Amino acid sequence: MISGIALIVSIFDLVPLPFDASWAAIILCGIPIILEAVIGLVTAFDIKADVLVSLALIASVCIGEDFAAGEVAFIMQLGGLLEELTVARARAGIEKLVHLTPQTARVITGGKETAVPAGAVKVGDLLRVLSGETIPVDGEIVSGQTSVNQAVMTGESLPVDKGVGDEVSSGTVNQFGAFEMKATKVGEDSSIQRMIRLVQSADAGKAKIVGLADRWATWIVVIALTAAALTWLISGEIIRAVTILVVFCPCACAGNADCHHGRHRQRDEARLPRPRGQRARAPRRRE
């Protein structure tokens, strides 16, 4: 916010200052980028978009283009903020689905009702679901009538009437009346668990290009530096070389964003709460 205001003050010269207001954006947004680039280079020789952006910032300041330096720093940090918000929303959606997973079920055995963990329900078990409870597993109603809120699964705003022979899904809510059902799909095969896996796999699919994006980001940085150096040697004008660095910044960051997204996904996936009784899957070994 402060950096954006500073850039507006600088471009329209709204407030007379002894220095260019763009320096606020350079300090607040640019220094973190430069520090991250230096740390990446020193610790892992990580040549990514941060390196290119840092060089563009430093070069712009050196030739007196303070506004350009502040603008680049502000745009890069704004893009990082939007990425963080997107990842946070995706994580919140998965967490919401996980918390909707029922923990217990009422199993009827020999005419007696027993509360057991939802993960212990087996296919063919007879269950009773009371009004207001979340349906623990997928199944078929064998007695009773009710209305089921299926918004979490289908997005329907109104409850759907259910009777004998109708199928019900885990994670949906029994609105009115009690009914008995026979379990047909339990555990990892239930609807709520399949939906959780679907959301996670959709996010994981984006990470498949992390390696490719990582390599492309590195090559873009190398190409940008080479092009800038050749332009400076041929034209003798450093401002043209700096212009090339600035123009290449969004290209490198676009590729680098997927790399960051993959790292965020791997980090955040470990933080997600798991339904009780569900074990973490071992990573697949590459052939």
C-alpha atoms as a PDB file:
ATOM      1  CA  MET A   1       0.000   0.000   0.000  1.00  0.00           C
ATOM      2  CA  ILE A   2       2.730   2.447   1.017  1.00  0.00           C
ATOM      3  CA  SER A   3       4.794   1.507  -2.035  1.00  0.00           C
ATOM      4  CA  GLY A   4       1.847   2.049  -4.382  1.00  0.00           C
ATOM      5  CA  ILE A   5       1.106   5.455  -2.866  1.00  0.00           C
ATOM      6  CA  ALA A   6       4.774   6.375  -3.122  1.00  0.00           C
ATOM      7  CA  LEU A   7       4.817   5.529  -6.833  1.00  0.00           C
ATOM      8  CA  ILE A   8       1.702   7.649  -7.436  1.00  0.00           C
ATOM      9  CA  VAL A   9       3.295  10.558  -5.574  1.00  0.00           C
ATOM     10  CA  SER A  10       6.441  10.132  -7.644  1.00  0.00           C
ATOM     11  CA  ILE A  11       4.845   9.943 -11.075  1.00  0.00           C
ATOM     12  CA  PHE A  12       2.517  12.929 -10.514  1.00  0.00           C
ATOM     13  CA  ASP A  13       4.940  14.859  -8.291  1.00  0.00           C
ATOM     14  CA  LEU A  14       2.151  15.445  -5.757  1.00  0.00           C
ATOM     15  CA  VAL A  15       4.375  16.223  -2.776  1.00  0.00           C
ATOM     16  CA  PRO A  16       7.653  18.147  -2.998  1.00  0.00           C
ATOM     17  CA  LEU A  17      10.329  15.958  -1.412  1.00  0.00           C
ATOM     18  CA  PRO A  18      14.122  16.212  -1.244  1.00  0.00           C
ATOM     19  CA  PHE A  19      14.280  12.719  -2.763  1.00  0.00           C
ATOM     20  CA  ASP A  20      12.258  10.664  -5.220  1.00  0.00           C
ATOM     21  CA  ALA A  21       9.236   9.064  -3.502  1.00  0.00           C
ATOM     22  CA  SER A  22       9.913   5.909  -5.522  1.00  0.00           C
ATOM     23  CA  TRP A  23      12.634   5.086  -3.020  1.00  0.00           C
ATOM     24  CA  ALA A  24       9.924   3.970  -0.605  1.00  0.00           C
ATOM     25  CA  ALA A  25       8.914   1.233  -3.068  1.00  0.00           C
ATOM     26  CA  ILE A  26      12.544   0.365  -3.753  1.00  0.00           C
ATOM     27  CA  ILE A  27      13.284  -0.090  -0.048  1.00  0.00           C
ATOM     28  CA  LEU A  28      10.042  -1.817   0.988  1.00  0.00           C
ATOM     29  CA  CYS A  29       9.602  -4.053  -2.057  1.00  0.00           C
ATOM     30  CA  GLY A  30      13.022  -4.193  -3.686  1.00  0.00           C
ATOM     31  CA  ILE A  31      15.298  -5.008  -0.763  1.00  0.00           C
ATOM     32  CA  PRO A  32      13.428  -8.267   0.138  1.00  0.00           C
ATOM     33  CA  ILE A  33      13.754  -9.392  -3.492  1.00  0.00           C
ATOM     34  CA  ILE A  34      17.475  -8.654  -3.530  1.00  0.00           C
ATOM     35  CA  LEU A  35      18.034 -10.420  -0.204  1.00  0.00           C
ATOM     36  CA  GLU A  36      16.165 -13.507  -1.406  1.00  0.00           C
ATOM     37  CA  ALA A  37      18.202 -13.552  -4.623  1.00  0.00           C
ATOM     38  CA  VAL A  38      21.492 -13.273  -2.722  1.00  0.00           C
ATOM     39  CA  ILE A  39      20.522 -15.999  -0.249  1.00  0.00           C
ATOM     40  CA  GLY A  40      19.471 -18.301  -3.105  1.00  0.00           C
ATOM     41  CA  LEU A  41      22.734 -17.735  -4.957  1.00  0.00           C
ATOM     42  CA  VAL A  42      24.933 -18.181  -1.906  1.00  0.00           C
ATOM     43  CA  THR A  43      23.211 -21.217  -0.395  1.00  0.00           C
ATOM     44  CA  ALA A  44      22.153 -23.184  -3.488  1.00  0.00           C
ATOM     45  CA  PHE A  45      23.424 -21.254  -6.529  1.00  0.00           C
ATOM     46  CA  ASP A  46      19.742 -20.794  -7.380  1.00  0.00           C
ATOM     47  CA  ILE A  47      19.542 -18.653 -10.540  1.00  0.00           C
ATOM     48  CA  LYS A  48      15.890 -17.720 -10.754  1.00  0.00           C
ATOM     49  CA  ALA A  49      13.728 -14.683 -11.499  1.00  0.00           C
ATOM     50  CA  ASP A  50      14.791 -12.991  -8.261  1.00  0.00           C
ATOM     51  CA  VAL A  51      18.311 -12.665  -9.663  1.00  0.00           C
ATOM     52  CA  LEU A  52      17.103 -11.001 -12.852  1.00  0.00           C
ATOM     53  CA  VAL A  53      14.757  -8.661 -10.989  1.00  0.00           C
ATOM     54  CA  SER A  54      17.521  -7.727  -8.558  1.00  0.00           C
ATOM     55  CA  LEU A  55      19.910  -6.885 -11.389  1.00  0.00           C
ATOM     56  CA  ALA A  56      17.205  -4.821 -13.106  1.00  0.00           C
ATOM     57  CA  LEU A  57      16.530  -2.931  -9.852  1.00  0.00           C
ATOM     58  CA  ILE A  58      20.181  -2.200  -9.170  1.00  0.00           C
ATOM     59  CA  ALA A  59      20.874  -1.208 -12.775  1.00  0.00           C
ATOM     60  CA  SER A  60      17.833   1.098 -12.860  1.00  0.00           C
ATOM     61  CA  VAL A  61      18.969   2.848  -9.693  1.00  0.00           C
ATOM     62  CA  CYS A  62      22.521   3.177 -11.012  1.00  0.00           C
ATOM     63  CA  ILE A  63      21.363   5.020 -14.143  1.00  0.00           C
ATOM     64  CA  GLY A  64      18.978   7.236 -12.175  1.00  0.00           C
ATOM     65  CA  GLU A  65      15.713   5.549 -13.172  1.00  0.00           C
ATOM     66  CA  ASP A  66      14.358   5.385  -9.623  1.00  0.00           C
ATOM     67  CA  PHE A  67      10.714   5.225 -10.665  1.00  0.00           C
ATOM     68  CA  ALA A  68      11.352   2.250 -12.974  1.00  0.00           C
ATOM     69  CA  ALA A  69      13.141   0.422 -10.154  1.00  0.00           C
ATOM     70  CA  GLY A  70      10.321   1.083  -7.714  1.00  0.00           C
ATOM     71  CA  GLU A  71       7.691   0.087 -10.257  1.00  0.00           C
ATOM     72  CA  VAL A  72       9.373  -3.247 -11.026  1.00  0.00           C
ATOM     73  CA  ALA A  73       9.796  -4.038  -7.314  1.00  0.00           C
ATOM     74  CA  PHE A  74       6.178  -3.141  -6.549  1.00  0.00           C
ATOM     75  CA  ILE A  75       4.755  -5.216  -9.420  1.00  0.00           C
ATOM     76  CA  MET A  76       6.845  -8.267  -8.498  1.00  0.00           C
ATOM     77  CA  GLN A  77       5.784  -8.113  -4.846  1.00  0.00           C
ATOM     78  CA  LEU A  78       2.157  -7.576  -5.829  1.00  0.00           C
ATOM     79  CA  GLY A  79       2.305 -10.690  -7.998  1.00  0.00           C
ATOM     80  CA  GLY A  80       3.771 -12.658  -5.091  1.00  0.00           C
ATOM     81  CA  LEU A  81       0.984 -11.452  -2.811  1.00  0.00           C
ATOM     82  CA  LEU A  82      -1.709 -12.516  -5.281  1.00  0.00           C
ATOM     83  CA  GLU A  83      -0.063 -15.924  -5.576  1.00  0.00           C
ATOM     84  CA  GLU A  84      -0.043 -16.339  -1.790  1.00  0.00           C
ATOM     85  CA  LEU A  85      -3.737 -15.437  -1.624  1.00  0.00           C
ATOM     86  CA  THR A  86      -4.572 -17.976  -4.333  1.00  0.00           C
ATOM     87  CA  VAL A  87      -2.670 -20.743  -2.555  1.00  0.00           C
ATOM     88  CA  ALA A  88      -4.316 -19.829   0.762  1.00  0.00           C
ATOM     89  CA  ARG A  89      -7.800 -20.026  -0.774  1.00  0.00           C
ATOM     90  CA  ALA A  90      -7.069 -23.432  -2.283  1.00  0.00           C
ATOM     91  CA  ARG A  91      -5.733 -24.699   1.041  1.00  0.00           C
ATOM     92  CA  ALA A  92      -8.775 -23.353   2.890  1.00  0.00           C
ATOM     93  CA  GLY A  93     -11.089 -25.177   0.479  1.00  0.00           C
ATOM     94  CA  ILE A  94      -9.345 -28.500   1.096  1.00  0.00           C
ATOM     95  CA  GLU A  95      -9.346 -27.962   4.855  1.00  0.00           C
ATOM     96  CA  LYS A  96     -13.087 -27.274   4.747  1.00  0.00           C
ATOM     97  CA  LEU A  97     -13.694 -30.564   2.952  1.00  0.00           C
ATOM     98  CA  VAL A  98     -11.523 -32.433   5.452  1.00  0.00           C
ATOM     99  CA  HIS A  99     -13.421 -30.953   8.403  1.00  0.00           C
ATOM    100  CA  LEU A 100     -16.713 -32.048   6.820  1.00  0.00           C
ATOM    101  CA  THR A 101     -15.592 -35.677   7.008  1.00  0.00           C
ATOM    102  CA  PRO A 102     -17.753 -37.466   9.631  1.00  0.00           C
ATOM    103  CA  GLN A 103     -15.866 -38.946  12.578  1.00  0.00           C
ATOM    104  CA  THR A 104     -18.446 -41.413  13.946  1.00  0.00           C
ATOM    105  CA  ALA A 105     -21.295 -43.573  12.700  1.00  0.00           C
ATOM    106  CA  ARG A 106     -24.249 -45.362  14.349  1.00  0.00           C
ATOM    107  CA  VAL A 107     -23.996 -49.035  13.370  1.00  0.00           C
ATOM    108  CA  ILE A 108     -26.948 -51.320  14.075  1.00  0.00           C
ATOM    109  CA  THR A 109     -25.917 -54.880  14.968  1.00  0.00           C
ATOM    110  CA  GLY A 110     -28.415 -57.410  16.233  1.00  0.00           C
ATOM    111  CA  GLY A 111     -30.956 -54.663  16.828  1.00  0.00           C
ATOM    112  CA  LYS A 112     -28.531 -52.679  18.985  1.00  0.00           C
ATOM    113  CA  GLU A 113     -27.116 -49.287  17.989  1.00  0.00           C
ATOM    114  CA  THR A 114     -23.401 -48.734  18.546  1.00  0.00           C
ATOM    115  CA  ALA A 115     -21.331 -45.632  17.862  1.00  0.00           C
ATOM    116  CA  VAL A 116     -18.134 -46.536  16.029  1.00  0.00           C
ATOM    117  CA  PRO A 117     -15.453 -44.541  14.162  1.00  0.00           C
ATOM    118  CA  ALA A 118     -16.556 -43.786  10.615  1.00  0.00           C
ATOM    119  CA  GLY A 119     -13.419 -45.457   9.337  1.00  0.00           C
ATOM    120  CA  ALA A 120     -14.498 -48.737  10.937  1.00  0.00           C
ATOM    121  CA  VAL A 121     -17.732 -48.995   8.927  1.00  0.00           C
ATOM    122  CA  LYS A 122     -17.747 -51.847   6.426  1.00  0.00           C
ATOM    123  CA  VAL A 123     -19.664 -52.334   3.219  1.00  0.00           C
ATOM    124  CA  GLY A 124     -23.037 -53.906   4.005  1.00  0.00           C
ATOM    125  CA  ASP A 125     -23.267 -52.519   7.552  1.00  0.00           C
ATOM    126  CA  LEU A 126     -26.648 -51.152   8.630  1.00  0.00           C
ATOM    127  CA  LEU A 127     -26.454 -47.572   9.895  1.00  0.00           C
ATOM    128  CA  ARG A 128     -28.881 -45.135  11.497  1.00  0.00           C
ATOM    129  CA  VAL A 129     -28.591 -41.409  10.788  1.00  0.00           C
ATOM    130  CA  LEU A 130     -30.441 -38.941  13.001  1.00  0.00           C
ATOM    131  CA  SER A 131     -31.755 -35.508  12.089  1.00  0.00           C
ATOM    132  CA  GLY A 132     -28.977 -32.907  11.808  1.00  0.00           C
ATOM    133  CA  GLU A 133     -26.193 -35.468  11.527  1.00  0.00           C
ATOM    134  CA  THR A 134     -23.687 -35.748   8.687  1.00  0.00           C
ATOM    135  CA  ILE A 135     -23.990 -38.952   6.708  1.00  0.00           C
ATOM    136  CA  PRO A 136     -20.804 -40.955   7.466  1.00  0.00           C
ATOM    137  CA  VAL A 137     -20.522 -43.128   4.339  1.00  0.00           C
ATOM    138  CA  ASP A 138     -22.151 -43.631   0.983  1.00  0.00           C
ATOM    139  CA  GLY A 139     -25.141 -45.890   1.068  1.00  0.00           C
ATOM    140  CA  GLU A 140     -28.745 -46.724   0.229  1.00  0.00           C
ATOM    141  CA  ILE A 141     -31.737 -45.881   2.394  1.00  0.00           C
ATOM    142  CA  VAL A 142     -33.543 -49.015   3.562  1.00  0.00           C
ATOM    143  CA  SER A 143     -36.115 -47.403   5.849  1.00  0.00           C
ATOM    144  CA  GLY A 144     -37.385 -43.911   6.598  1.00  0.00           C
ATOM    145  CA  GLN A 145     -37.699 -40.682   4.660  1.00  0.00           C
ATOM    146  CA  THR A 146     -35.788 -37.445   4.919  1.00  0.00           C
ATOM    147  CA  SER A 147     -34.418 -34.402   3.123  1.00  0.00           C
ATOM    148  CA  VAL A 148     -30.678 -34.217   2.567  1.00  0.00           C
ATOM    149  CA  ASN A 149     -28.606 -31.073   2.177  1.00  0.00           C
ATOM    150  CA  GLN A 150     -26.228 -31.947  -0.684  1.00  0.00           C
ATOM    151  CA  ALA A 151     -24.751 -28.460  -1.132  1.00  0.00           C
ATOM    152  CA  VAL A 152     -21.233 -29.610  -0.317  1.00  0.00           C
ATOM    153  CA  MET A 153     -21.347 -32.217  -3.103  1.00  0.00           C
ATOM    154  CA  THR A 154     -23.593 -30.742  -5.786  1.00  0.00           C
ATOM    155  CA  GLY A 155     -23.957 -27.071  -4.900  1.00  0.00           C
ATOM    156  CA  GLU A 156     -27.742 -27.360  -4.684  1.00  0.00           C
ATOM    157  CA  SER A 157     -29.171 -24.687  -2.427  1.00  0.00           C
ATOM    158  CA  LEU A 158     -32.303 -26.653  -1.445  1.00  0.00           C
ATOM    159  CA  PRO A 159     -32.439 -30.010   0.365  1.00  0.00           C
ATOM    160  CA  VAL A 160     -33.340 -33.060  -1.734  1.00  0.00           C
ATOM    161  CA  ASP A 161     -36.053 -35.472  -0.570  1.00  0.00           C
ATOM    162  CA  LYS A 162     -34.854 -39.022  -0.081  1.00  0.00           C
ATOM    163  CA  GLY A 163     -36.744 -42.241   0.522  1.00  0.00           C
ATOM    164  CA  VAL A 164     -36.298 -46.019   0.518  1.00  0.00           C
ATOM    165  CA  GLY A 165     -34.011 -47.107  -2.327  1.00  0.00           C
ATOM    166  CA  ASP A 166     -32.426 -43.675  -2.793  1.00  0.00           C
ATOM    167  CA  GLU A 167     -28.683 -43.262  -2.534  1.00  0.00           C
ATOM    168  CA  VAL A 168     -27.059 -40.841  -0.089  1.00  0.00           C
ATOM    169  CA  SER A 169     -23.490 -39.570  -0.040  1.00  0.00           C
ATOM    170  CA  SER A 170     -21.029 -39.130   2.787  1.00  0.00           C
ATOM    171  CA  GLY A 171     -20.445 -35.544   3.857  1.00  0.00           C
ATOM    172  CA  THR A 172     -24.043 -34.517   3.131  1.00  0.00           C
ATOM    173  CA  VAL A 173     -26.353 -33.532   6.010  1.00  0.00           C
ATOM    174  CA  ASN A 174     -29.569 -35.212   7.054  1.00  0.00           C
ATOM    175  CA  GLN A 175     -32.026 -32.358   7.540  1.00  0.00           C
ATOM    176  CA  PHE A 176     -35.276 -33.921   8.781  1.00  0.00           C
ATOM    177  CA  GLY A 177     -36.091 -37.217  10.437  1.00  0.00           C
ATOM    178  CA  ALA A 178     -34.069 -40.340  11.113  1.00  0.00           C
ATOM    179  CA  PHE A 179     -33.467 -43.102   8.584  1.00  0.00           C
ATOM    180  CA  GLU A 180     -31.576 -46.336   8.251  1.00  0.00           C
ATOM    181  CA  MET A 181     -29.169 -47.058   5.416  1.00  0.00           C
ATOM    182  CA  LYS A 182     -26.940 -49.817   4.127  1.00  0.00           C
ATOM    183  CA  ALA A 183     -23.309 -48.840   3.546  1.00  0.00           C
ATOM    184  CA  THR A 184     -22.177 -49.286  -0.064  1.00  0.00           C
ATOM    185  CA  LYS A 185     -18.947 -47.262  -0.230  1.00  0.00           C
ATOM    186  CA  VAL A 186     -16.726 -46.638   2.773  1.00  0.00           C
ATOM    187  CA  GLY A 187     -13.325 -45.215   3.627  1.00  0.00           C
ATOM    188  CA  GLU A 188     -11.300 -43.993   0.655  1.00  0.00           C
ATOM    189  CA  ASP A 189     -14.110 -44.988  -1.727  1.00  0.00           C
ATOM    190  CA  SER A 190     -16.689 -42.655  -0.160  1.00  0.00           C
ATOM    191  CA  SER A 191     -17.821 -39.532  -2.002  1.00  0.00           C
ATOM    192  CA  ILE A 192     -16.276 -37.030   0.415  1.00  0.00           C
ATOM    193  CA  GLN A 193     -12.884 -38.749   0.280  1.00  0.00           C
ATOM    194  CA  ARG A 194     -12.994 -38.903  -3.516  1.00  0.00           C
ATOM    195  CA  MET A 195     -13.770 -35.185  -3.633  1.00  0.00           C
ATOM    196  CA  ILE A 196     -10.845 -34.390  -1.320  1.00  0.00           C
ATOM    197  CA  ARG A 197      -8.522 -36.427  -3.534  1.00  0.00           C
ATOM    198  CA  LEU A 198      -9.904 -34.734  -6.633  1.00  0.00           C
ATOM    199  CA  VAL A 199      -9.170 -31.262  -5.266  1.00  0.00           C
ATOM    200  CA  GLN A 200      -5.704 -32.311  -4.117  1.00  0.00           C
ATOM    201  CA  SER A 201      -4.887 -33.999  -7.422  1.00  0.00           C
ATOM    202  CA  ALA A 202      -6.021 -30.940  -9.368  1.00  0.00           C
ATOM    203  CA  ASP A 203      -3.542 -28.873  -7.380  1.00  0.00           C
ATOM    204  CA  ALA A 204      -0.875 -31.558  -7.672  1.00  0.00           C
ATOM    205  CA  GLY A 205      -1.314 -31.638 -11.439  1.00  0.00           C
ATOM    206  CA  LYS A 206      -0.008 -28.097 -11.626  1.00  0.00           C
ATOM    207  CA  ALA A 207       3.143 -29.224  -9.836  1.00  0.00           C
ATOM    208  CA  LYS A 208       4.021 -31.620 -12.670  1.00  0.00           C
ATOM    209  CA  ILE A 209       5.375 -28.671 -14.637  1.00  0.00           C
ATOM    210  CA  VAL A 210       7.438 -27.386 -11.725  1.00  0.00           C
ATOM    211  CA  GLY A 211      10.643 -28.995 -13.021  1.00  0.00           C
ATOM    212  CA  LEU A 212      10.094 -27.651 -16.543  1.00  0.00           C
ATOM    213  CA  ALA A 213       9.200 -24.171 -15.296  1.00  0.00           C
ATOM    214  CA  ASP A 214      12.255 -24.248 -13.047  1.00  0.00           C
ATOM    215  CA  ARG A 215      14.559 -24.937 -15.997  1.00  0.00           C
ATOM    216  CA  TRP A 216      12.843 -22.358 -18.218  1.00  0.00           C
ATOM    217  CA  ALA A 217      13.132 -19.667 -15.544  1.00  0.00           C
ATOM    218  CA  THR A 218      16.873 -20.291 -15.351  1.00  0.00           C
ATOM    219  CA  TRP A 219      17.289 -20.138 -19.120  1.00  0.00           C
ATOM    220  CA  ILE A 220      15.230 -16.945 -19.350  1.00  0.00           C
ATOM    221  CA  VAL A 221      17.535 -15.315 -16.804  1.00  0.00           C
ATOM    222  CA  VAL A 222      20.606 -16.393 -18.793  1.00  0.00           C
ATOM    223  CA  ILE A 223      19.101 -15.217 -22.092  1.00  0.00           C
ATOM    224  CA  ALA A 224      18.096 -11.877 -20.583  1.00  0.00           C
ATOM    225  CA  LEU A 225      21.577 -11.249 -19.188  1.00  0.00           C
ATOM    226  CA  THR A 226      23.194 -12.234 -22.479  1.00  0.00           C
ATOM    227  CA  ALA A 227      20.853 -10.035 -24.514  1.00  0.00           C
ATOM    228  CA  ALA A 228      21.421  -7.084 -22.171  1.00  0.00           C
ATOM    229  CA  ALA A 229      25.187  -7.481 -22.335  1.00  0.00           C
ATOM    230  CA  LEU A 230      25.210  -7.716 -26.150  1.00  0.00           C
ATOM    231  CA  THR A 231      22.919  -4.679 -26.421  1.00  0.00           C
ATOM    232  CA  TRP A 232      25.236  -2.649 -24.215  1.00  0.00           C
ATOM    233  CA  LEU A 233      28.301  -3.711 -26.213  1.00  0.00           C
ATOM    234  CA  ILE A 234      26.698  -3.013 -29.589  1.00  0.00           C
ATOM    235  CA  SER A 235      24.825   0.201 -28.802  1.00  0.00           C
ATOM    236  CA  GLY A 236      27.049   1.554 -26.070  1.00  0.00           C
ATOM    237  CA  GLU A 237      23.909   2.765 -24.253  1.00  0.00           C
ATOM    238  CA  ILE A 238      23.381   1.181 -20.854  1.00  0.00           C
ATOM    239  CA  ILE A 239      19.758   2.355 -20.675  1.00  0.00           C
ATOM    240  CA  ARG A 240      18.910  -0.004 -23.546  1.00  0.00           C
ATOM    241  CA  ALA A 241      20.479  -2.906 -21.664  1.00  0.00           C
ATOM    242  CA  VAL A 242      18.554  -2.020 -18.521  1.00  0.00           C
ATOM    243  CA  THR A 243      15.342  -1.818 -20.570  1.00  0.00           C
ATOM    244  CA  ILE A 244      15.889  -5.408 -21.725  1.00  0.00           C
ATOM    245  CA  LEU A 245      16.366  -6.571 -18.142  1.00  0.00           C
ATOM    246  CA  VAL A 246      13.173  -4.824 -17.041  1.00  0.00           C
ATOM    247  CA  VAL A 247      11.165  -6.233 -19.969  1.00  0.00           C
ATOM    248  CA  PHE A 248      12.365  -9.771 -19.229  1.00  0.00           C
ATOM    249  CA  CYS A 249      11.377  -9.598 -15.532  1.00  0.00           C
ATOM    250  CA  PRO A 250       7.690 -10.612 -15.976  1.00  0.00           C
ATOM    251  CA  CYS A 251       8.720 -13.470 -18.305  1.00  0.00           C
ATOM    252  CA  ALA A 252      11.058 -14.986 -15.753  1.00  0.00           C
ATOM    253  CA  CYS A 253       8.631 -14.459 -12.888  1.00  0.00           C
ATOM    254  CA  ALA A 254       5.796 -16.100 -14.826  1.00  0.00           C
ATOM    255  CA  GLY A 255       7.823 -19.285 -15.089  1.00  0.00           C
ATOM    256  CA  ASN A 256       9.124 -18.985 -11.583  1.00  0.00           C
ATOM    257  CA  ALA A 257       5.580 -18.625 -10.189  1.00  0.00           C
ATOM    258  CA  ASP A 258       4.830 -22.267 -10.979  1.00  0.00           C
ATOM    259  CA  CYS A 259       7.973 -23.295  -9.127  1.00  0.00           C
ATOM    260  CA  HIS A 260       6.894 -21.313  -6.071  1.00  0.00           C
ATOM    261  CA  HIS A 261       3.368 -22.742  -6.379  1.00  0.00           C
ATOM    262  CA  GLY A 262       4.758 -26.284  -6.324  1.00  0.00           C
ATOM    263  CA  ARG A 263       6.838 -25.568  -3.258  1.00  0.00           C
ATOM    264  CA  HIS A 264       3.843 -23.963  -1.510  1.00  0.00           C
ATOM    265  CA  ARG A 265       1.702 -26.977  -2.369  1.00  0.00           C
ATOM    266  CA  GLN A 266       4.204 -29.472  -0.964  1.00  0.00           C
ATOM    267  CA  ARG A 267       4.647 -27.378   2.181  1.00  0.00           C
ATOM    268  CA  ASP A 268       0.933 -26.749   2.743  1.00  0.00           C
ATOM    269  CA  GLU A 269      -0.154 -30.300   1.922  1.00  0.00           C
ATOM    270  CA  ALA A 270       1.740 -31.486   4.999  1.00  0.00           C
ATOM    271  CA  ARG A 271      -0.171 -28.993   7.149  1.00  0.00           C
ATOM    272  CA  LEU A 272      -3.634 -30.161   6.119  1.00  0.00           C
ATOM    273  CA  PRO A 273      -5.559 -32.002   8.834  1.00  0.00           C
ATOM    274  CA  ARG A 274      -6.380 -35.594   7.948  1.00  0.00           C
ATOM    275  CA  PRO A 275      -9.620 -37.377   8.810  1.00  0.00           C
ATOM    276  CA  ARG A 276      -9.300 -39.620  11.824  1.00  0.00           C
ATOM    277  CA  GLY A 277      -8.204 -43.080  10.836  1.00  0.00           C
ATOM    278  CA  GLN A 278      -6.825 -41.993   7.455  1.00  0.00           C
ATOM    279  CA  ARG A 279      -3.157 -42.706   6.920  1.00  0.00           C
ATOM    280  CA  ALA A 280      -0.835 -40.548   4.913  1.00  0.00           C
ATOM    281  CA  ARG A 281       0.006 -42.053   1.558  1.00  0.00           C
ATOM    282  CA  ALA A 282       3.584 -42.917   0.823  1.00  0.00           C
ATOM    283  CA  PRO A 283       5.041 -41.074  -2.158  1.00  0.00           C
ATOM    284  CA  ARG A 284       5.213 -43.036  -5.366  1.00  0.00           C
ATOM    285  CA  ARG A 285       8.654 -44.137  -6.403  1.00  0.00           C
ATOM    286  CA  ARG A 286       9.660 -43.043  -9.866  1.00  0.00           C
ATOM    287  CA  GLU A 287      10.532 -45.834 -12.211  1.00  0.00           C
END
